[in-house]
Protein backbone atom coordinates (compact mmCIF):
# COMPACT_ATOMS: atom_id res chain seq x y z
CA UNK A 1 0.00 0.00 0.00
CA UNK A 2 3.03 2.31 0.30
CA UNK A 3 2.71 3.11 -3.41
CA UNK A 4 -0.46 5.02 -2.47
CA UNK A 5 1.13 7.13 0.25
CA UNK A 6 0.59 10.76 -0.74
CA UNK A 7 -0.89 9.65 -4.11
CA UNK A 8 -4.35 8.53 -3.17
CA UNK A 9 -7.28 7.88 -5.45
CA UNK A 10 -11.01 7.87 -4.82
CA UNK A 11 -10.87 4.05 -4.73
CA UNK A 12 -8.15 4.04 -2.07
CA UNK A 13 -10.01 6.68 -0.05
CA UNK A 14 -13.13 4.50 -0.20
CA UNK A 15 -11.19 1.41 0.83
CA UNK A 16 -9.68 3.22 3.83
CA UNK A 17 -13.11 4.58 4.81
CA UNK A 18 -14.71 1.12 4.59
CA UNK A 19 -11.93 -0.58 6.56
CA UNK A 20 -11.07 2.05 9.15
CA UNK A 21 -13.88 4.55 9.69
CA UNK A 22 -15.28 2.60 12.66
CA UNK A 23 -11.90 2.55 14.39
CA UNK A 24 -11.42 6.25 13.61
CA UNK A 25 -14.81 6.96 15.21
CA UNK A 26 -13.75 5.07 18.34
CA UNK A 27 -10.47 6.97 18.45
CA UNK A 28 -12.19 10.30 17.84
CA UNK A 29 -14.42 9.65 20.87
CA UNK A 30 -11.33 8.95 23.03
CA UNK A 31 -12.11 5.26 23.36
CA UNK A 32 -8.59 4.29 22.23
CA UNK A 33 -6.66 6.81 24.32
CA UNK A 34 -4.88 4.00 26.15
CA UNK A 35 -2.99 3.34 22.90
CA UNK A 36 -1.03 6.54 23.53
CA UNK A 37 0.79 4.86 26.43
CA UNK A 38 2.92 2.51 24.31
CA UNK A 39 5.19 3.38 21.41
CA UNK A 40 3.80 1.07 18.70
CA UNK A 41 0.20 1.68 19.71
CA UNK A 42 0.73 5.45 19.79
CA UNK A 43 2.02 5.34 16.21
CA UNK A 44 -1.08 3.39 15.18
CA UNK A 45 -3.29 5.93 16.95
CA UNK A 46 -1.49 8.82 15.24
CA UNK A 47 -2.10 7.21 11.85
CA UNK A 48 -5.77 6.61 12.67
CA UNK A 49 -6.31 10.21 13.85
CA UNK A 50 -4.03 12.08 11.43
CA UNK A 51 -3.74 10.13 8.18
CA UNK A 52 -7.00 8.20 7.82
CA UNK A 53 -9.36 11.19 8.07
CA UNK A 54 -7.46 12.97 5.29
CA UNK A 55 -8.39 10.06 3.03
CA UNK A 56 -11.78 9.16 4.43
CA UNK A 57 -13.10 12.72 4.43
CA UNK A 58 -11.17 14.38 1.61
CA UNK A 59 -12.68 17.79 0.90
CA UNK A 60 -14.73 17.74 4.14
CA UNK A 61 -14.13 19.54 7.43
CA UNK A 62 -13.93 16.15 9.19
CA UNK A 63 -10.57 15.59 7.46
CA UNK A 64 -9.05 17.88 10.10
CA UNK A 65 -11.31 17.12 13.03
CA UNK A 66 -8.90 14.85 14.92
CA UNK A 67 -5.68 16.60 13.92
CA UNK A 68 -5.20 18.35 17.29
CA UNK A 69 -5.51 15.03 19.15
CA UNK A 70 -2.91 13.47 16.85
CA UNK A 71 -0.57 16.39 17.58
CA UNK A 72 -1.03 15.89 21.33
CA UNK A 73 -0.22 12.18 21.05
CA UNK A 74 2.81 12.93 18.90
CA UNK A 75 4.15 15.54 21.35
CA UNK A 76 3.56 13.23 24.30
CA UNK A 77 5.34 10.40 22.47
CA UNK A 78 8.28 12.66 21.69
CA UNK A 79 8.48 13.57 25.39
CA UNK A 80 8.58 9.84 26.17
CA UNK A 81 11.10 9.29 23.32
CA UNK A 82 8.74 6.84 21.61
CA UNK A 83 9.71 8.37 18.27
CA UNK A 84 13.31 7.26 18.72
CA UNK A 85 12.26 3.59 18.82
CA UNK A 86 11.06 3.66 15.21
CA UNK A 87 12.65 3.24 11.80
CA UNK A 88 12.73 6.13 9.33
CA UNK A 89 9.40 5.39 7.63
CA UNK A 90 7.70 4.93 10.97
CA UNK A 91 9.26 8.14 12.29
CA UNK A 92 8.04 9.95 9.17
CA UNK A 93 4.44 9.09 10.08
CA UNK A 94 5.02 9.76 13.78
CA UNK A 95 5.99 13.36 13.02
CA UNK A 96 3.31 13.94 10.37
CA UNK A 97 0.79 15.58 12.74
CA UNK A 98 3.35 18.29 13.41
CA UNK A 99 3.66 18.94 9.68
CA UNK A 100 -0.12 19.10 9.38
CA UNK A 101 -0.54 21.52 12.27
CA UNK A 102 -1.20 25.20 11.63
CA UNK A 103 0.81 26.05 14.75
CA UNK A 104 4.21 27.50 13.83
CA UNK A 105 5.93 25.95 16.86
CA UNK A 106 4.75 22.52 15.72
CA UNK A 107 6.00 23.28 12.22
CA UNK A 108 9.45 24.27 13.50
CA UNK A 109 9.61 21.07 15.58
CA UNK A 110 8.55 19.06 12.53
CA UNK A 111 11.47 20.43 10.54
CA UNK A 112 13.86 19.74 13.43
CA UNK A 113 12.63 16.16 13.83
CA UNK A 114 12.75 15.29 10.12
CA UNK A 115 16.22 16.81 9.86
CA UNK A 116 17.49 14.92 12.93
CA UNK A 117 16.03 11.66 11.58
CA UNK A 118 17.77 12.17 8.23
CA UNK A 119 14.46 11.97 6.35
CA UNK A 120 15.39 14.24 3.44
CA UNK A 121 12.22 13.83 1.38
CA UNK A 122 9.98 14.46 4.37
CA UNK A 123 12.22 17.34 5.44
CA UNK A 124 11.64 19.07 2.11
CA UNK A 125 7.87 18.87 2.60
CA UNK A 126 8.15 19.85 6.28
CA UNK A 127 10.08 22.97 5.30
CA UNK A 128 7.46 23.81 2.69
CA UNK A 129 4.63 23.38 5.20
CA UNK A 130 6.51 25.44 7.79
CA UNK A 131 7.09 28.19 5.25
CA UNK A 132 3.37 28.33 4.42
CA UNK A 133 2.36 28.59 8.07
CA UNK A 134 5.08 31.17 8.66
CA UNK A 135 3.90 33.20 5.67
CA UNK A 136 0.12 32.96 6.16
CA UNK A 137 -0.35 31.77 9.75
CA UNK A 138 -2.28 28.80 8.37
CA UNK A 139 -2.73 26.65 5.28
CA UNK A 140 -4.65 28.69 2.71
CA UNK A 141 -5.83 25.57 0.86
CA UNK A 142 -7.92 24.64 3.91
CA UNK A 143 -9.83 27.91 4.03
CA UNK A 144 -12.78 26.90 1.85
CA UNK A 145 -13.22 23.53 3.57
CA UNK A 146 -13.02 25.11 7.02
CA UNK A 147 -15.30 28.02 6.10
CA UNK A 148 -12.58 30.62 6.53
CA UNK A 149 -12.34 33.78 4.49
CA UNK A 150 -9.16 33.96 2.43
CA UNK A 151 -7.12 37.14 2.52
CA UNK A 152 -6.23 38.84 -0.76
CA UNK A 153 -2.67 37.53 -0.32
CA UNK A 154 -3.98 33.97 0.16
CA UNK A 155 -6.29 34.24 -2.86
CA UNK A 156 -3.38 35.40 -4.99
CA UNK A 157 -1.25 32.53 -3.71
CA UNK A 158 -3.99 29.93 -4.32
CA UNK A 159 -4.28 31.05 -7.94
CA UNK A 160 -0.52 30.94 -8.48
CA UNK A 161 1.63 28.14 -9.87
CA UNK A 162 3.34 27.80 -6.47
CA UNK A 163 0.09 26.99 -4.67
CA UNK A 164 -0.10 23.87 -2.52
CA UNK A 165 -3.55 22.33 -2.54
CA UNK A 166 -3.08 19.56 0.00
C-alpha atoms as a PDB file:
ATOM      1  CA  UNK A   1       0.000   0.000   0.000  1.00  0.00           C
ATOM      2  CA  UNK A   2       3.026   2.314   0.301  1.00  0.00           C
ATOM      3  CA  UNK A   3       2.713   3.113  -3.409  1.00  0.00           C
ATOM      4  CA  UNK A   4      -0.464   5.019  -2.468  1.00  0.00           C
ATOM      5  CA  UNK A   5       1.133   7.132   0.249  1.00  0.00           C
ATOM      6  CA  UNK A   6       0.585  10.759  -0.738  1.00  0.00           C
ATOM      7  CA  UNK A   7      -0.892   9.647  -4.114  1.00  0.00           C
ATOM      8  CA  UNK A   8      -4.352   8.534  -3.171  1.00  0.00           C
ATOM      9  CA  UNK A   9      -7.280   7.877  -5.449  1.00  0.00           C
ATOM     10  CA  UNK A  10     -11.007   7.866  -4.815  1.00  0.00           C
ATOM     11  CA  UNK A  11     -10.875   4.054  -4.732  1.00  0.00           C
ATOM     12  CA  UNK A  12      -8.146   4.043  -2.072  1.00  0.00           C
ATOM     13  CA  UNK A  13     -10.010   6.677  -0.049  1.00  0.00           C
ATOM     14  CA  UNK A  14     -13.132   4.503  -0.202  1.00  0.00           C
ATOM     15  CA  UNK A  15     -11.186   1.413   0.829  1.00  0.00           C
ATOM     16  CA  UNK A  16      -9.682   3.222   3.829  1.00  0.00           C
ATOM     17  CA  UNK A  17     -13.105   4.580   4.808  1.00  0.00           C
ATOM     18  CA  UNK A  18     -14.705   1.121   4.595  1.00  0.00           C
ATOM     19  CA  UNK A  19     -11.930  -0.577   6.562  1.00  0.00           C
ATOM     20  CA  UNK A  20     -11.072   2.052   9.146  1.00  0.00           C
ATOM     21  CA  UNK A  21     -13.884   4.547   9.691  1.00  0.00           C
ATOM     22  CA  UNK A  22     -15.277   2.604  12.658  1.00  0.00           C
ATOM     23  CA  UNK A  23     -11.900   2.553  14.392  1.00  0.00           C
ATOM     24  CA  UNK A  24     -11.416   6.253  13.611  1.00  0.00           C
ATOM     25  CA  UNK A  25     -14.807   6.961  15.210  1.00  0.00           C
ATOM     26  CA  UNK A  26     -13.748   5.068  18.341  1.00  0.00           C
ATOM     27  CA  UNK A  27     -10.468   6.967  18.447  1.00  0.00           C
ATOM     28  CA  UNK A  28     -12.195  10.298  17.844  1.00  0.00           C
ATOM     29  CA  UNK A  29     -14.417   9.648  20.872  1.00  0.00           C
ATOM     30  CA  UNK A  30     -11.334   8.954  23.028  1.00  0.00           C
ATOM     31  CA  UNK A  31     -12.110   5.259  23.357  1.00  0.00           C
ATOM     32  CA  UNK A  32      -8.595   4.289  22.227  1.00  0.00           C
ATOM     33  CA  UNK A  33      -6.665   6.814  24.320  1.00  0.00           C
ATOM     34  CA  UNK A  34      -4.882   3.998  26.154  1.00  0.00           C
ATOM     35  CA  UNK A  35      -2.991   3.342  22.904  1.00  0.00           C
ATOM     36  CA  UNK A  36      -1.031   6.542  23.534  1.00  0.00           C
ATOM     37  CA  UNK A  37       0.786   4.864  26.432  1.00  0.00           C
ATOM     38  CA  UNK A  38       2.923   2.506  24.308  1.00  0.00           C
ATOM     39  CA  UNK A  39       5.191   3.380  21.409  1.00  0.00           C
ATOM     40  CA  UNK A  40       3.800   1.072  18.704  1.00  0.00           C
ATOM     41  CA  UNK A  41       0.203   1.685  19.706  1.00  0.00           C
ATOM     42  CA  UNK A  42       0.732   5.449  19.794  1.00  0.00           C
ATOM     43  CA  UNK A  43       2.019   5.337  16.208  1.00  0.00           C
ATOM     44  CA  UNK A  44      -1.083   3.392  15.184  1.00  0.00           C
ATOM     45  CA  UNK A  45      -3.293   5.934  16.953  1.00  0.00           C
ATOM     46  CA  UNK A  46      -1.489   8.819  15.240  1.00  0.00           C
ATOM     47  CA  UNK A  47      -2.104   7.213  11.846  1.00  0.00           C
ATOM     48  CA  UNK A  48      -5.771   6.613  12.668  1.00  0.00           C
ATOM     49  CA  UNK A  49      -6.307  10.208  13.850  1.00  0.00           C
ATOM     50  CA  UNK A  50      -4.031  12.081  11.429  1.00  0.00           C
ATOM     51  CA  UNK A  51      -3.738  10.125   8.181  1.00  0.00           C
ATOM     52  CA  UNK A  52      -6.995   8.200   7.816  1.00  0.00           C
ATOM     53  CA  UNK A  53      -9.359  11.188   8.066  1.00  0.00           C
ATOM     54  CA  UNK A  54      -7.461  12.973   5.294  1.00  0.00           C
ATOM     55  CA  UNK A  55      -8.388  10.064   3.028  1.00  0.00           C
ATOM     56  CA  UNK A  56     -11.781   9.161   4.430  1.00  0.00           C
ATOM     57  CA  UNK A  57     -13.100  12.721   4.431  1.00  0.00           C
ATOM     58  CA  UNK A  58     -11.167  14.381   1.607  1.00  0.00           C
ATOM     59  CA  UNK A  59     -12.681  17.794   0.904  1.00  0.00           C
ATOM     60  CA  UNK A  60     -14.730  17.738   4.136  1.00  0.00           C
ATOM     61  CA  UNK A  61     -14.133  19.541   7.427  1.00  0.00           C
ATOM     62  CA  UNK A  62     -13.928  16.149   9.191  1.00  0.00           C
ATOM     63  CA  UNK A  63     -10.574  15.589   7.464  1.00  0.00           C
ATOM     64  CA  UNK A  64      -9.046  17.879  10.099  1.00  0.00           C
ATOM     65  CA  UNK A  65     -11.313  17.117  13.035  1.00  0.00           C
ATOM     66  CA  UNK A  66      -8.900  14.850  14.922  1.00  0.00           C
ATOM     67  CA  UNK A  67      -5.683  16.595  13.922  1.00  0.00           C
ATOM     68  CA  UNK A  68      -5.198  18.348  17.289  1.00  0.00           C
ATOM     69  CA  UNK A  69      -5.508  15.031  19.150  1.00  0.00           C
ATOM     70  CA  UNK A  70      -2.912  13.467  16.851  1.00  0.00           C
ATOM     71  CA  UNK A  71      -0.567  16.389  17.581  1.00  0.00           C
ATOM     72  CA  UNK A  72      -1.034  15.892  21.332  1.00  0.00           C
ATOM     73  CA  UNK A  73      -0.218  12.183  21.054  1.00  0.00           C
ATOM     74  CA  UNK A  74       2.814  12.934  18.900  1.00  0.00           C
ATOM     75  CA  UNK A  75       4.154  15.541  21.346  1.00  0.00           C
ATOM     76  CA  UNK A  76       3.564  13.229  24.303  1.00  0.00           C
ATOM     77  CA  UNK A  77       5.339  10.399  22.471  1.00  0.00           C
ATOM     78  CA  UNK A  78       8.282  12.656  21.686  1.00  0.00           C
ATOM     79  CA  UNK A  79       8.481  13.571  25.388  1.00  0.00           C
ATOM     80  CA  UNK A  80       8.581   9.842  26.168  1.00  0.00           C
ATOM     81  CA  UNK A  81      11.097   9.285  23.318  1.00  0.00           C
ATOM     82  CA  UNK A  82       8.736   6.841  21.609  1.00  0.00           C
ATOM     83  CA  UNK A  83       9.708   8.366  18.266  1.00  0.00           C
ATOM     84  CA  UNK A  84      13.309   7.262  18.721  1.00  0.00           C
ATOM     85  CA  UNK A  85      12.258   3.593  18.820  1.00  0.00           C
ATOM     86  CA  UNK A  86      11.064   3.662  15.205  1.00  0.00           C
ATOM     87  CA  UNK A  87      12.646   3.241  11.802  1.00  0.00           C
ATOM     88  CA  UNK A  88      12.730   6.129   9.325  1.00  0.00           C
ATOM     89  CA  UNK A  89       9.398   5.391   7.630  1.00  0.00           C
ATOM     90  CA  UNK A  90       7.695   4.931  10.971  1.00  0.00           C
ATOM     91  CA  UNK A  91       9.255   8.142  12.286  1.00  0.00           C
ATOM     92  CA  UNK A  92       8.038   9.945   9.170  1.00  0.00           C
ATOM     93  CA  UNK A  93       4.444   9.091  10.084  1.00  0.00           C
ATOM     94  CA  UNK A  94       5.020   9.762  13.783  1.00  0.00           C
ATOM     95  CA  UNK A  95       5.992  13.364  13.020  1.00  0.00           C
ATOM     96  CA  UNK A  96       3.315  13.937  10.366  1.00  0.00           C
ATOM     97  CA  UNK A  97       0.785  15.575  12.737  1.00  0.00           C
ATOM     98  CA  UNK A  98       3.351  18.291  13.411  1.00  0.00           C
ATOM     99  CA  UNK A  99       3.660  18.938   9.684  1.00  0.00           C
ATOM    100  CA  UNK A 100      -0.124  19.098   9.380  1.00  0.00           C
ATOM    101  CA  UNK A 101      -0.543  21.522  12.270  1.00  0.00           C
ATOM    102  CA  UNK A 102      -1.199  25.199  11.630  1.00  0.00           C
ATOM    103  CA  UNK A 103       0.814  26.055  14.750  1.00  0.00           C
ATOM    104  CA  UNK A 104       4.211  27.498  13.826  1.00  0.00           C
ATOM    105  CA  UNK A 105       5.933  25.946  16.863  1.00  0.00           C
ATOM    106  CA  UNK A 106       4.752  22.523  15.720  1.00  0.00           C
ATOM    107  CA  UNK A 107       6.001  23.284  12.217  1.00  0.00           C
ATOM    108  CA  UNK A 108       9.447  24.267  13.501  1.00  0.00           C
ATOM    109  CA  UNK A 109       9.612  21.073  15.582  1.00  0.00           C
ATOM    110  CA  UNK A 110       8.550  19.059  12.533  1.00  0.00           C
ATOM    111  CA  UNK A 111      11.471  20.428  10.536  1.00  0.00           C
ATOM    112  CA  UNK A 112      13.856  19.736  13.426  1.00  0.00           C
ATOM    113  CA  UNK A 113      12.629  16.160  13.829  1.00  0.00           C
ATOM    114  CA  UNK A 114      12.747  15.287  10.123  1.00  0.00           C
ATOM    115  CA  UNK A 115      16.221  16.810   9.861  1.00  0.00           C
ATOM    116  CA  UNK A 116      17.492  14.918  12.927  1.00  0.00           C
ATOM    117  CA  UNK A 117      16.028  11.662  11.580  1.00  0.00           C
ATOM    118  CA  UNK A 118      17.765  12.165   8.233  1.00  0.00           C
ATOM    119  CA  UNK A 119      14.458  11.969   6.352  1.00  0.00           C
ATOM    120  CA  UNK A 120      15.394  14.241   3.445  1.00  0.00           C
ATOM    121  CA  UNK A 121      12.216  13.833   1.380  1.00  0.00           C
ATOM    122  CA  UNK A 122       9.985  14.463   4.368  1.00  0.00           C
ATOM    123  CA  UNK A 123      12.218  17.344   5.437  1.00  0.00           C
ATOM    124  CA  UNK A 124      11.636  19.065   2.107  1.00  0.00           C
ATOM    125  CA  UNK A 125       7.868  18.867   2.603  1.00  0.00           C
ATOM    126  CA  UNK A 126       8.150  19.853   6.276  1.00  0.00           C
ATOM    127  CA  UNK A 127      10.083  22.969   5.302  1.00  0.00           C
ATOM    128  CA  UNK A 128       7.462  23.807   2.686  1.00  0.00           C
ATOM    129  CA  UNK A 129       4.627  23.376   5.198  1.00  0.00           C
ATOM    130  CA  UNK A 130       6.507  25.439   7.793  1.00  0.00           C
ATOM    131  CA  UNK A 131       7.085  28.194   5.253  1.00  0.00           C
ATOM    132  CA  UNK A 132       3.367  28.328   4.423  1.00  0.00           C
ATOM    133  CA  UNK A 133       2.359  28.594   8.075  1.00  0.00           C
ATOM    134  CA  UNK A 134       5.077  31.171   8.663  1.00  0.00           C
ATOM    135  CA  UNK A 135       3.897  33.203   5.666  1.00  0.00           C
ATOM    136  CA  UNK A 136       0.120  32.961   6.157  1.00  0.00           C
ATOM    137  CA  UNK A 137      -0.351  31.774   9.748  1.00  0.00           C
ATOM    138  CA  UNK A 138      -2.278  28.799   8.371  1.00  0.00           C
ATOM    139  CA  UNK A 139      -2.731  26.646   5.278  1.00  0.00           C
ATOM    140  CA  UNK A 140      -4.655  28.693   2.708  1.00  0.00           C
ATOM    141  CA  UNK A 141      -5.826  25.566   0.858  1.00  0.00           C
ATOM    142  CA  UNK A 142      -7.918  24.640   3.907  1.00  0.00           C
ATOM    143  CA  UNK A 143      -9.831  27.914   4.029  1.00  0.00           C
ATOM    144  CA  UNK A 144     -12.776  26.899   1.847  1.00  0.00           C
ATOM    145  CA  UNK A 145     -13.225  23.527   3.567  1.00  0.00           C
ATOM    146  CA  UNK A 146     -13.024  25.111   7.023  1.00  0.00           C
ATOM    147  CA  UNK A 147     -15.298  28.018   6.102  1.00  0.00           C
ATOM    148  CA  UNK A 148     -12.580  30.623   6.530  1.00  0.00           C
ATOM    149  CA  UNK A 149     -12.339  33.784   4.494  1.00  0.00           C
ATOM    150  CA  UNK A 150      -9.157  33.965   2.433  1.00  0.00           C
ATOM    151  CA  UNK A 151      -7.123  37.138   2.520  1.00  0.00           C
ATOM    152  CA  UNK A 152      -6.227  38.844  -0.756  1.00  0.00           C
ATOM    153  CA  UNK A 153      -2.674  37.527  -0.323  1.00  0.00           C
ATOM    154  CA  UNK A 154      -3.982  33.973   0.163  1.00  0.00           C
ATOM    155  CA  UNK A 155      -6.290  34.240  -2.859  1.00  0.00           C
ATOM    156  CA  UNK A 156      -3.380  35.402  -4.986  1.00  0.00           C
ATOM    157  CA  UNK A 157      -1.250  32.531  -3.706  1.00  0.00           C
ATOM    158  CA  UNK A 158      -3.989  29.928  -4.323  1.00  0.00           C
ATOM    159  CA  UNK A 159      -4.278  31.051  -7.940  1.00  0.00           C
ATOM    160  CA  UNK A 160      -0.518  30.937  -8.483  1.00  0.00           C
ATOM    161  CA  UNK A 161       1.630  28.144  -9.872  1.00  0.00           C
ATOM    162  CA  UNK A 162       3.340  27.796  -6.474  1.00  0.00           C
ATOM    163  CA  UNK A 163       0.094  26.990  -4.670  1.00  0.00           C
ATOM    164  CA  UNK A 164      -0.101  23.871  -2.518  1.00  0.00           C
ATOM    165  CA  UNK A 165      -3.555  22.329  -2.537  1.00  0.00           C
ATOM    166  CA  UNK A 166      -3.084  19.558   0.003  1.00  0.00           C
END
